[in-house]
């Protein structure tokens, strides 16, 4: 696990809701993924990865 994000998002109707996700990087192959609390999994863009998981 690389980083844990807690956020307030806005749906299509303008309603706000809490959301959270974490970023993972596979130590074997280097694949990167973004895992949401509700079970969704996405591949983050390079810009998003750099912003949230890059060196500080």
PDB file of N, CA and C in Angstrom:
ATOM      1  N   UNK A   1       0.857  -1.182   0.000  1.00  0.00           N
ATOM      2  CA  UNK A   1       0.000   0.000   0.000  1.00  0.00           C
ATOM      3  C   UNK A   1       0.895   1.235   0.000  1.00  0.00           C
ATOM      4  N   UNK A   2       0.534   2.203  -0.834  1.00  0.00           N
ATOM      5  CA  UNK A   2       1.349   3.399  -0.956  1.00  0.00           C
ATOM      6  C   UNK A   2       0.772   4.611  -0.237  1.00  0.00           C
ATOM      7  N   UNK A   3      -0.532   4.796  -0.318  1.00  0.00           N
ATOM      8  CA  UNK A   3      -1.126   5.998   0.244  1.00  0.00           C
ATOM      9  C   UNK A   3      -2.621   5.780   0.439  1.00  0.00           C
ATOM     10  N   UNK A   4      -3.197   6.363   1.479  1.00  0.00           N
ATOM     11  CA  UNK A   4      -4.629   6.235   1.769  1.00  0.00           C
ATOM     12  C   UNK A   4      -5.260   7.615   1.638  1.00  0.00           C
ATOM     13  N   UNK A   5      -6.339   7.725   0.868  1.00  0.00           N
ATOM     14  CA  UNK A   5      -7.006   9.002   0.607  1.00  0.00           C
ATOM     15  C   UNK A   5      -8.425   8.948   1.158  1.00  0.00           C
ATOM     16  N   UNK A   6      -8.801   9.971   1.908  1.00  0.00           N
ATOM     17  CA  UNK A   6     -10.187  10.164   2.338  1.00  0.00           C
ATOM     18  C   UNK A   6     -10.643  11.477   1.721  1.00  0.00           C
ATOM     19  N   UNK A   7     -11.820  11.460   1.078  1.00  0.00           N
ATOM     20  CA  UNK A   7     -12.262  12.641   0.346  1.00  0.00           C
ATOM     21  C   UNK A   7     -13.771  12.796   0.416  1.00  0.00           C
ATOM     22  N   UNK A   8     -14.227  13.972   0.054  1.00  0.00           N
ATOM     23  CA  UNK A   8     -15.640  14.239  -0.166  1.00  0.00           C
ATOM     24  C   UNK A   8     -15.810  14.432  -1.663  1.00  0.00           C
ATOM     25  N   UNK A   9     -16.663  13.606  -2.262  1.00  0.00           N
ATOM     26  CA  UNK A   9     -16.907  13.667  -3.704  1.00  0.00           C
ATOM     27  C   UNK A   9     -18.297  14.239  -3.960  1.00  0.00           C
ATOM     28  N   UNK A  10     -18.583  14.571  -5.207  1.00  0.00           N
ATOM     29  CA  UNK A  10     -19.878  15.125  -5.594  1.00  0.00           C
ATOM     30  C   UNK A  10     -20.461  14.250  -6.700  1.00  0.00           C
ATOM     31  N   UNK A  11     -21.726  13.820  -6.529  1.00  0.00           N
ATOM     32  CA  UNK A  11     -22.357  12.981  -7.548  1.00  0.00           C
ATOM     33  C   UNK A  11     -22.938  13.830  -8.682  1.00  0.00           C
ATOM     34  N   UNK A  12     -23.598  13.182  -9.632  1.00  0.00           N
ATOM     35  CA  UNK A  12     -24.152  13.865 -10.809  1.00  0.00           C
ATOM     36  C   UNK A  12     -25.264  14.850 -10.476  1.00  0.00           C
ATOM     37  N   UNK A  13     -25.831  14.735  -9.280  1.00  0.00           N
ATOM     38  CA  UNK A  13     -26.923  15.621  -8.865  1.00  0.00           C
ATOM     39  C   UNK A  13     -26.445  16.724  -7.920  1.00  0.00           C
ATOM     40  N   UNK A  14     -25.135  16.827  -7.747  1.00  0.00           N
ATOM     41  CA  UNK A  14     -24.580  17.863  -6.895  1.00  0.00           C
ATOM     42  C   UNK A  14     -24.541  17.524  -5.421  1.00  0.00           C
ATOM     43  N   UNK A  15     -24.898  16.283  -5.072  1.00  0.00           N
ATOM     44  CA  UNK A  15     -24.875  15.867  -3.666  1.00  0.00           C
ATOM     45  C   UNK A  15     -23.474  15.389  -3.294  1.00  0.00           C
ATOM     46  N   UNK A  16     -23.047  15.772  -2.116  1.00  0.00           N
ATOM     47  CA  UNK A  16     -21.729  15.385  -1.623  1.00  0.00           C
ATOM     48  C   UNK A  16     -21.823  14.055  -0.878  1.00  0.00           C
ATOM     49  N   UNK A  17     -20.772  13.248  -0.975  1.00  0.00           N
ATOM     50  CA  UNK A  17     -20.719  11.980  -0.256  1.00  0.00           C
ATOM     51  C   UNK A  17     -19.267  11.646   0.087  1.00  0.00           C
ATOM     52  N   UNK A  18     -19.054  10.925   1.186  1.00  0.00           N
ATOM     53  CA  UNK A  18     -17.685  10.546   1.563  1.00  0.00           C
ATOM     54  C   UNK A  18     -17.202   9.392   0.687  1.00  0.00           C
ATOM     55  N   UNK A  19     -15.940   9.379   0.391  1.00  0.00           N
ATOM     56  CA  UNK A  19     -15.339   8.299  -0.379  1.00  0.00           C
ATOM     57  C   UNK A  19     -13.912   8.128   0.114  1.00  0.00           C
ATOM     58  N   UNK A  20     -13.345   6.968  -0.109  1.00  0.00           N
ATOM     59  CA  UNK A  20     -11.952   6.747   0.260  1.00  0.00           C
ATOM     60  C   UNK A  20     -11.374   5.650  -0.621  1.00  0.00           C
ATOM     61  N   UNK A  21     -10.081   5.708  -0.816  1.00  0.00           N
ATOM     62  CA  UNK A  21      -9.384   4.724  -1.624  1.00  0.00           C
ATOM     63  C   UNK A  21      -7.926   4.691  -1.219  1.00  0.00           C
ATOM     64  N   UNK A  22      -7.253   3.673  -1.699  1.00  0.00           N
ATOM     65  CA  UNK A  22      -5.830   3.536  -1.436  1.00  0.00           C
ATOM     66  C   UNK A  22      -5.125   3.136  -2.728  1.00  0.00           C
ATOM     67  N   UNK A  23      -3.869   3.474  -2.818  1.00  0.00           N
ATOM     68  CA  UNK A  23      -3.065   3.151  -3.996  1.00  0.00           C
ATOM     69  C   UNK A  23      -2.147   1.986  -3.665  1.00  0.00           C
ATOM     70  N   UNK A  24      -2.035   1.051  -4.605  1.00  0.00           N
ATOM     71  CA  UNK A  24      -1.155  -0.102  -4.440  1.00  0.00           C
ATOM     72  C   UNK A  24      -0.206  -0.194  -5.629  1.00  0.00           C
ATOM     73  N   UNK A  25       0.989  -0.694  -5.348  1.00  0.00           N
ATOM     74  CA  UNK A  25       1.958  -0.982  -6.410  1.00  0.00           C
ATOM     75  C   UNK A  25       2.501  -2.384  -6.164  1.00  0.00           C
ATOM     76  N   UNK A  26       2.388  -3.262  -7.160  1.00  0.00           N
ATOM     77  CA  UNK A  26       2.851  -4.637  -7.042  1.00  0.00           C
ATOM     78  C   UNK A  26       4.384  -4.658  -6.981  1.00  0.00           C
ATOM     79  N   UNK A  27       4.925  -5.327  -5.975  1.00  0.00           N
ATOM     80  CA  UNK A  27       6.378  -5.382  -5.830  1.00  0.00           C
ATOM     81  C   UNK A  27       7.013  -6.294  -6.875  1.00  0.00           C
ATOM     82  N   UNK A  28       6.266  -7.232  -7.435  1.00  0.00           N
ATOM     83  CA  UNK A  28       6.805  -8.145  -8.444  1.00  0.00           C
ATOM     84  C   UNK A  28       6.834  -7.542  -9.844  1.00  0.00           C
ATOM     85  N   UNK A  29       5.703  -6.971 -10.276  1.00  0.00           N
ATOM     86  CA  UNK A  29       5.611  -6.498 -11.661  1.00  0.00           C
ATOM     87  C   UNK A  29       5.516  -4.980 -11.793  1.00  0.00           C
ATOM     88  N   UNK A  30       5.286  -4.267 -10.691  1.00  0.00           N
ATOM     89  CA  UNK A  30       5.200  -2.810 -10.739  1.00  0.00           C
ATOM     90  C   UNK A  30       3.850  -2.262 -11.162  1.00  0.00           C
ATOM     91  N   UNK A  31       2.842  -3.150 -11.338  1.00  0.00           N
ATOM     92  CA  UNK A  31       1.501  -2.689 -11.707  1.00  0.00           C
ATOM     93  C   UNK A  31       0.945  -1.799 -10.601  1.00  0.00           C
ATOM     94  N   UNK A  32       0.229  -0.761 -10.997  1.00  0.00           N
ATOM     95  CA  UNK A  32      -0.343   0.191 -10.039  1.00  0.00           C
ATOM     96  C   UNK A  32      -1.861   0.125 -10.095  1.00  0.00           C
ATOM     97  N   UNK A  33      -2.496   0.228  -8.926  1.00  0.00           N
ATOM     98  CA  UNK A  33      -3.953   0.189  -8.881  1.00  0.00           C
ATOM     99  C   UNK A  33      -4.474   1.098  -7.782  1.00  0.00           C
ATOM    100  N   UNK A  34      -5.744   1.440  -7.931  1.00  0.00           N
ATOM    101  CA  UNK A  34      -6.450   2.314  -6.996  1.00  0.00           C
ATOM    102  C   UNK A  34      -7.658   1.528  -6.506  1.00  0.00           C
ATOM    103  N   UNK A  35      -7.672   1.174  -5.219  1.00  0.00           N
ATOM    104  CA  UNK A  35      -8.733   0.345  -4.640  1.00  0.00           C
ATOM    105  C   UNK A  35      -9.653   1.216  -3.791  1.00  0.00           C
ATOM    106  N   UNK A  36     -10.945   1.214  -4.153  1.00  0.00           N
ATOM    107  CA  UNK A  36     -11.955   1.969  -3.410  1.00  0.00           C
ATOM    108  C   UNK A  36     -12.524   1.122  -2.281  1.00  0.00           C
ATOM    109  N   UNK A  37     -13.056   1.785  -1.278  1.00  0.00           N
ATOM    110  CA  UNK A  37     -13.658   1.119  -0.126  1.00  0.00           C
ATOM    111  C   UNK A  37     -14.850   0.242  -0.549  1.00  0.00           C
ATOM    112  N   UNK A  38     -15.566   0.618  -1.617  1.00  0.00           N
ATOM    113  CA  UNK A  38     -16.737  -0.152  -2.050  1.00  0.00           C
ATOM    114  C   UNK A  38     -16.375  -1.328  -2.962  1.00  0.00           C
ATOM    115  N   UNK A  39     -15.080  -1.575  -3.171  1.00  0.00           N
ATOM    116  CA  UNK A  39     -14.650  -2.729  -3.960  1.00  0.00           C
ATOM    117  C   UNK A  39     -14.218  -2.436  -5.386  1.00  0.00           C
ATOM    118  N   UNK A  40     -14.475  -1.226  -5.867  1.00  0.00           N
ATOM    119  CA  UNK A  40     -14.038  -0.879  -7.225  1.00  0.00           C
ATOM    120  C   UNK A  40     -12.514  -0.843  -7.284  1.00  0.00           C
ATOM    121  N   UNK A  41     -11.972  -1.194  -8.430  1.00  0.00           N
ATOM    122  CA  UNK A  41     -10.534  -1.120  -8.656  1.00  0.00           C
ATOM    123  C   UNK A  41     -10.312  -0.432  -9.996  1.00  0.00           C
ATOM    124  N   UNK A  42      -9.431   0.567 -10.011  1.00  0.00           N
ATOM    125  CA  UNK A  42      -9.112   1.305 -11.229  1.00  0.00           C
ATOM    126  C   UNK A  42      -7.603   1.401 -11.376  1.00  0.00           C
ATOM    127  N   UNK A  43      -7.167   1.731 -12.580  1.00  0.00           N
ATOM    128  CA  UNK A  43      -5.760   2.001 -12.822  1.00  0.00           C
ATOM    129  C   UNK A  43      -5.574   3.523 -12.817  1.00  0.00           C
ATOM    130  N   UNK A  44      -4.792   4.061 -11.883  1.00  0.00           N
ATOM    131  CA  UNK A  44      -4.614   5.513 -11.830  1.00  0.00           C
ATOM    132  C   UNK A  44      -3.753   6.018 -12.989  1.00  0.00           C
ATOM    133  N   UNK A  45      -4.011   7.243 -13.411  1.00  0.00           N
ATOM    134  CA  UNK A  45      -3.181   7.853 -14.450  1.00  0.00           C
ATOM    135  C   UNK A  45      -1.789   8.145 -13.876  1.00  0.00           C
ATOM    136  N   UNK A  46      -0.851   8.368 -14.756  1.00  0.00           N
ATOM    137  CA  UNK A  46       0.507   8.695 -14.315  1.00  0.00           C
ATOM    138  C   UNK A  46       0.518   9.994 -13.510  1.00  0.00           C
ATOM    139  N   UNK A  47      -0.275  10.979 -13.939  1.00  0.00           N
ATOM    140  CA  UNK A  47      -0.346  12.262 -13.225  1.00  0.00           C
ATOM    141  C   UNK A  47      -0.921  12.074 -11.821  1.00  0.00           C
ATOM    142  N   UNK A  48      -1.981  11.285 -11.704  1.00  0.00           N
ATOM    143  CA  UNK A  48      -2.591  11.028 -10.394  1.00  0.00           C
ATOM    144  C   UNK A  48      -1.604  10.291  -9.489  1.00  0.00           C
ATOM    145  N   UNK A  49      -0.922   9.282 -10.021  1.00  0.00           N
ATOM    146  CA  UNK A  49       0.055   8.528  -9.229  1.00  0.00           C
ATOM    147  C   UNK A  49       1.161   9.453  -8.724  1.00  0.00           C
ATOM    148  N   UNK A  50       1.676  10.299  -9.621  1.00  0.00           N
ATOM    149  CA  UNK A  50       2.747  11.225  -9.234  1.00  0.00           C
ATOM    150  C   UNK A  50       2.288  12.190  -8.158  1.00  0.00           C
ATOM    151  N   UNK A  51       1.058  12.665  -8.275  1.00  0.00           N
ATOM    152  CA  UNK A  51       0.537  13.631  -7.305  1.00  0.00           C
ATOM    153  C   UNK A  51       0.383  13.019  -5.911  1.00  0.00           C
ATOM    154  N   UNK A  52      -0.131  11.798  -5.841  1.00  0.00           N
ATOM    155  CA  UNK A  52      -0.466  11.196  -4.540  1.00  0.00           C
ATOM    156  C   UNK A  52       0.572  10.227  -4.003  1.00  0.00           C
ATOM    157  N   UNK A  53       1.418   9.685  -4.863  1.00  0.00           N
ATOM    158  CA  UNK A  53       2.350   8.640  -4.419  1.00  0.00           C
ATOM    159  C   UNK A  53       3.814   8.955  -4.726  1.00  0.00           C
ATOM    160  N   UNK A  54       4.051  10.074  -5.362  1.00  0.00           N
ATOM    161  CA  UNK A  54       5.419  10.425  -5.712  1.00  0.00           C
ATOM    162  C   UNK A  54       6.243  10.808  -4.491  1.00  0.00           C
ATOM    163  N   UNK A  55       7.534  10.976  -4.700  1.00  0.00           N
ATOM    164  CA  UNK A  55       8.392  11.382  -3.571  1.00  0.00           C
ATOM    165  C   UNK A  55       7.977  12.748  -3.030  1.00  0.00           C
ATOM    166  N   UNK A  56       8.154  12.924  -1.751  1.00  0.00           N
ATOM    167  CA  UNK A  56       7.759  14.182  -1.105  1.00  0.00           C
ATOM    168  C   UNK A  56       8.954  15.026  -0.807  1.00  0.00           C
TER     169      UNK A  56
END
